Amino acid sequence: MTIIAPERVQPAATAWPADRVERWDIARLTPYVRNARTHSDEQVVQSCRA
């Protein structure tokens, strides 16, 4: 039988991130300015034709 040392057990008061979920309108979201995965309109059109 394995016994976990008390200093290794997380306190019950630790919040689970999913407990604080907020619903936002899409209009409230803003794109990250430094996003490396952005595409020009021309690239988007090309992907739609494929």
PDB file of N, CA and C in Angstrom:
ATOM      1  N   MET A   1       0.835  -1.163   0.000  1.00  0.00           N
ATOM      2  CA  MET A   1       0.000   0.000   0.000  1.00  0.00           C
ATOM      3  C   MET A   1       0.892   1.241   0.000  1.00  0.00           C
ATOM      4  N   THR A   2       0.539   2.236  -0.847  1.00  0.00           N
ATOM      5  CA  THR A   2       1.311   3.466  -0.935  1.00  0.00           C
ATOM      6  C   THR A   2       0.612   4.566  -0.152  1.00  0.00           C
ATOM      7  N   ILE A   3       1.371   5.249   0.668  1.00  0.00           N
ATOM      8  CA  ILE A   3       0.833   6.368   1.447  1.00  0.00           C
ATOM      9  C   ILE A   3       1.440   7.642   0.890  1.00  0.00           C
ATOM     10  N   ILE A   4       0.592   8.608   0.556  1.00  0.00           N
ATOM     11  CA  ILE A   4       1.055   9.869  -0.002  1.00  0.00           C
ATOM     12  C   ILE A   4       1.378  10.823   1.141  1.00  0.00           C
ATOM     13  N   ALA A   5       2.555  11.419   1.070  1.00  0.00           N
ATOM     14  CA  ALA A   5       2.970  12.369   2.099  1.00  0.00           C
ATOM     15  C   ALA A   5       2.060  13.589   2.059  1.00  0.00           C
ATOM     16  N   PRO A   6       1.682  14.129   3.225  1.00  0.00           N
ATOM     17  CA  PRO A   6       0.763  15.280   3.274  1.00  0.00           C
ATOM     18  C   PRO A   6       1.222  16.488   2.469  1.00  0.00           C
ATOM     19  N   GLU A   7       2.527  16.727   2.356  1.00  0.00           N
ATOM     20  CA  GLU A   7       3.002  17.886   1.610  1.00  0.00           C
ATOM     21  C   GLU A   7       2.830  17.719   0.107  1.00  0.00           C
ATOM     22  N   ARG A   8       2.541  16.505  -0.363  1.00  0.00           N
ATOM     23  CA  ARG A   8       2.351  16.258  -1.789  1.00  0.00           C
ATOM     24  C   ARG A   8       0.881  16.286  -2.193  1.00  0.00           C
ATOM     25  N   VAL A   9      -0.009  16.365  -1.257  1.00  0.00           N
ATOM     26  CA  VAL A   9      -1.437  16.379  -1.550  1.00  0.00           C
ATOM     27  C   VAL A   9      -1.865  17.816  -1.789  1.00  0.00           C
ATOM     28  N   GLN A  10      -2.579  18.043  -2.893  1.00  0.00           N
ATOM     29  CA  GLN A  10      -3.049  19.392  -3.186  1.00  0.00           C
ATOM     30  C   GLN A  10      -4.230  19.720  -2.282  1.00  0.00           C
ATOM     31  N   PRO A  11      -4.283  20.945  -1.798  1.00  0.00           N
ATOM     32  CA  PRO A  11      -5.408  21.323  -0.938  1.00  0.00           C
ATOM     33  C   PRO A  11      -6.713  21.312  -1.716  1.00  0.00           C
ATOM     34  N   ALA A  12      -7.795  21.006  -1.029  1.00  0.00           N
ATOM     35  CA  ALA A  12      -9.111  20.934  -1.660  1.00  0.00           C
ATOM     36  C   ALA A  12      -9.576  22.302  -2.149  1.00  0.00           C
ATOM     37  N   ALA A  13      -8.995  23.374  -1.646  1.00  0.00           N
ATOM     38  CA  ALA A  13      -9.408  24.720  -2.023  1.00  0.00           C
ATOM     39  C   ALA A  13      -8.876  25.128  -3.398  1.00  0.00           C
ATOM     40  N   THR A  14      -8.002  24.311  -3.999  1.00  0.00           N
ATOM     41  CA  THR A  14      -7.480  24.629  -5.318  1.00  0.00           C
ATOM     42  C   THR A  14      -8.630  24.629  -6.316  1.00  0.00           C
ATOM     43  N   ALA A  15      -8.819  25.750  -6.988  1.00  0.00           N
ATOM     44  CA  ALA A  15      -9.937  25.891  -7.923  1.00  0.00           C
ATOM     45  C   ALA A  15      -9.648  25.147  -9.227  1.00  0.00           C
ATOM     46  N   TRP A  16     -10.655  24.514  -9.739  1.00  0.00           N
ATOM     47  CA  TRP A  16     -10.569  23.853 -11.037  1.00  0.00           C
ATOM     48  C   TRP A  16     -10.903  24.911 -12.092  1.00  0.00           C
ATOM     49  N   PRO A  17     -10.074  25.124 -13.114  1.00  0.00           N
ATOM     50  CA  PRO A  17     -10.328  26.192 -14.081  1.00  0.00           C
ATOM     51  C   PRO A  17     -11.709  26.116 -14.736  1.00  0.00           C
ATOM     52  N   ALA A  18     -12.228  24.929 -14.931  1.00  0.00           N
ATOM     53  CA  ALA A  18     -13.535  24.794 -15.580  1.00  0.00           C
ATOM     54  C   ALA A  18     -14.668  25.308 -14.696  1.00  0.00           C
ATOM     55  N   ASP A  19     -14.406  25.520 -13.420  1.00  0.00           N
ATOM     56  CA  ASP A  19     -15.442  26.063 -12.535  1.00  0.00           C
ATOM     57  C   ASP A  19     -15.667  27.549 -12.775  1.00  0.00           C
ATOM     58  N   ARG A  20     -14.776  28.180 -13.501  1.00  0.00           N
ATOM     59  CA  ARG A  20     -14.881  29.620 -13.740  1.00  0.00           C
ATOM     60  C   ARG A  20     -15.078  29.941 -15.216  1.00  0.00           C
ATOM     61  N   VAL A  21     -15.823  29.144 -15.917  1.00  0.00           N
ATOM     62  CA  VAL A  21     -16.059  29.349 -17.339  1.00  0.00           C
ATOM     63  C   VAL A  21     -17.020  30.518 -17.533  1.00  0.00           C
ATOM     64  N   GLU A  22     -16.681  31.403 -18.456  1.00  0.00           N
ATOM     65  CA  GLU A  22     -17.541  32.532 -18.789  1.00  0.00           C
ATOM     66  C   GLU A  22     -17.948  32.414 -20.248  1.00  0.00           C
ATOM     67  N   ARG A  23     -19.169  32.774 -20.541  1.00  0.00           N
ATOM     68  CA  ARG A  23     -19.635  32.803 -21.925  1.00  0.00           C
ATOM     69  C   ARG A  23     -19.562  34.233 -22.426  1.00  0.00           C
ATOM     70  N   TRP A  24     -18.868  34.420 -23.550  1.00  0.00           N
ATOM     71  CA  TRP A  24     -18.699  35.739 -24.145  1.00  0.00           C
ATOM     72  C   TRP A  24     -19.317  35.748 -25.533  1.00  0.00           C
ATOM     73  N   ASP A  25     -19.808  36.918 -25.969  1.00  0.00           N
ATOM     74  CA  ASP A  25     -20.232  37.094 -27.350  1.00  0.00           C
ATOM     75  C   ASP A  25     -18.985  37.067 -28.225  1.00  0.00           C
ATOM     76  N   ILE A  26     -19.121  36.587 -29.430  1.00  0.00           N
ATOM     77  CA  ILE A  26     -17.977  36.525 -30.339  1.00  0.00           C
ATOM     78  C   ILE A  26     -17.418  37.921 -30.596  1.00  0.00           C
ATOM     79  N   ALA A  27     -18.285  38.919 -30.620  1.00  0.00           N
ATOM     80  CA  ALA A  27     -17.837  40.292 -30.870  1.00  0.00           C
ATOM     81  C   ALA A  27     -16.888  40.792 -29.784  1.00  0.00           C
ATOM     82  N   ARG A  28     -16.944  40.213 -28.608  1.00  0.00           N
ATOM     83  CA  ARG A  28     -16.077  40.631 -27.500  1.00  0.00           C
ATOM     84  C   ARG A  28     -14.649  40.106 -27.659  1.00  0.00           C
ATOM     85  N   LEU A  29     -14.464  39.068 -28.450  1.00  0.00           N
ATOM     86  CA  LEU A  29     -13.137  38.481 -28.649  1.00  0.00           C
ATOM     87  C   LEU A  29     -12.322  39.338 -29.606  1.00  0.00           C
ATOM     88  N   THR A  30     -11.041  39.444 -29.328  1.00  0.00           N
ATOM     89  CA  THR A  30     -10.146  40.188 -30.207  1.00  0.00           C
ATOM     90  C   THR A  30      -9.002  39.278 -30.629  1.00  0.00           C
ATOM     91  N   PRO A  31      -8.627  39.319 -31.916  1.00  0.00           N
ATOM     92  CA  PRO A  31      -7.528  38.460 -32.372  1.00  0.00           C
ATOM     93  C   PRO A  31      -6.190  38.924 -31.795  1.00  0.00           C
ATOM     94  N   TYR A  32      -5.308  37.977 -31.571  1.00  0.00           N
ATOM     95  CA  TYR A  32      -3.971  38.276 -31.067  1.00  0.00           C
ATOM     96  C   TYR A  32      -3.160  38.903 -32.186  1.00  0.00           C
ATOM     97  N   VAL A  33      -2.644  40.098 -31.966  1.00  0.00           N
ATOM     98  CA  VAL A  33      -1.958  40.864 -33.002  1.00  0.00           C
ATOM     99  C   VAL A  33      -0.724  40.135 -33.529  1.00  0.00           C
ATOM    100  N   ARG A  34      -0.015  39.442 -32.670  1.00  0.00           N
ATOM    101  CA  ARG A  34       1.241  38.788 -33.066  1.00  0.00           C
ATOM    102  C   ARG A  34       1.045  37.327 -33.474  1.00  0.00           C
ATOM    103  N   ASN A  35      -0.154  36.959 -33.863  1.00  0.00           N
ATOM    104  CA  ASN A  35      -0.444  35.588 -34.271  1.00  0.00           C
ATOM    105  C   ASN A  35       0.327  35.251 -35.545  1.00  0.00           C
ATOM    106  N   ALA A  36       1.135  34.222 -35.481  1.00  0.00           N
ATOM    107  CA  ALA A  36       1.932  33.820 -36.636  1.00  0.00           C
ATOM    108  C   ALA A  36       1.113  33.018 -37.645  1.00  0.00           C
ATOM    109  N   ARG A  37      -0.064  32.576 -37.267  1.00  0.00           N
ATOM    110  CA  ARG A  37      -0.883  31.738 -38.139  1.00  0.00           C
ATOM    111  C   ARG A  37      -2.011  32.533 -38.799  1.00  0.00           C
ATOM    112  N   THR A  38      -1.696  33.692 -39.315  1.00  0.00           N
ATOM    113  CA  THR A  38      -2.693  34.474 -40.027  1.00  0.00           C
ATOM    114  C   THR A  38      -2.515  34.256 -41.526  1.00  0.00           C
ATOM    115  N   HIS A  39      -3.591  34.414 -42.275  1.00  0.00           N
ATOM    116  CA  HIS A  39      -3.551  34.202 -43.722  1.00  0.00           C
ATOM    117  C   HIS A  39      -4.192  35.392 -44.418  1.00  0.00           C
ATOM    118  N   SER A  40      -3.658  35.711 -45.579  1.00  0.00           N
ATOM    119  CA  SER A  40      -4.240  36.791 -46.363  1.00  0.00           C
ATOM    120  C   SER A  40      -5.558  36.306 -46.961  1.00  0.00           C
ATOM    121  N   ASP A  41      -6.374  37.250 -47.445  1.00  0.00           N
ATOM    122  CA  ASP A  41      -7.641  36.887 -48.081  1.00  0.00           C
ATOM    123  C   ASP A  41      -7.410  35.992 -49.294  1.00  0.00           C
ATOM    124  N   GLU A  42      -6.323  36.239 -50.027  1.00  0.00           N
ATOM    125  CA  GLU A  42      -5.997  35.423 -51.202  1.00  0.00           C
ATOM    126  C   GLU A  42      -5.728  33.970 -50.809  1.00  0.00           C
ATOM    127  N   GLN A  43      -5.030  33.752 -49.714  1.00  0.00           N
ATOM    128  CA  GLN A  43      -4.752  32.395 -49.261  1.00  0.00           C
ATOM    129  C   GLN A  43      -6.029  31.681 -48.819  1.00  0.00           C
ATOM    130  N   VAL A  44      -6.934  32.420 -48.209  1.00  0.00           N
ATOM    131  CA  VAL A  44      -8.197  31.827 -47.774  1.00  0.00           C
ATOM    132  C   VAL A  44      -9.009  31.382 -48.983  1.00  0.00           C
ATOM    133  N   VAL A  45      -9.041  32.215 -50.004  1.00  0.00           N
ATOM    134  CA  VAL A  45      -9.779  31.874 -51.224  1.00  0.00           C
ATOM    135  C   VAL A  45      -9.155  30.637 -51.882  1.00  0.00           C
ATOM    136  N   GLN A  46      -7.851  30.553 -51.900  1.00  0.00           N
ATOM    137  CA  GLN A  46      -7.182  29.392 -52.490  1.00  0.00           C
ATOM    138  C   GLN A  46      -7.545  28.108 -51.748  1.00  0.00           C
ATOM    139  N   SER A  47      -7.633  28.174 -50.450  1.00  0.00           N
ATOM    140  CA  SER A  47      -7.954  26.967 -49.670  1.00  0.00           C
ATOM    141  C   SER A  47      -9.396  26.545 -49.901  1.00  0.00           C
ATOM    142  N   CYS A  48     -10.275  27.486 -50.228  1.00  0.00           N
ATOM    143  CA  CYS A  48     -11.674  27.158 -50.493  1.00  0.00           C
ATOM    144  C   CYS A  48     -11.840  26.493 -51.852  1.00  0.00           C
ATOM    145  N   ARG A  49     -10.945  26.790 -52.782  1.00  0.00           N
ATOM    146  CA  ARG A  49     -11.019  26.212 -54.135  1.00  0.00           C
ATOM    147  C   ARG A  49     -10.497  24.792 -54.166  1.00  0.00           C
ATOM    148  N   ALA A  50      -9.670  24.428 -53.247  1.00  0.00           N
ATOM    149  CA  ALA A  50      -9.020  23.114 -53.257  1.00  0.00           C
ATOM    150  C   ALA A  50      -9.980  21.978 -53.007  1.00  0.00           C
TER     151      ALA A  50
END
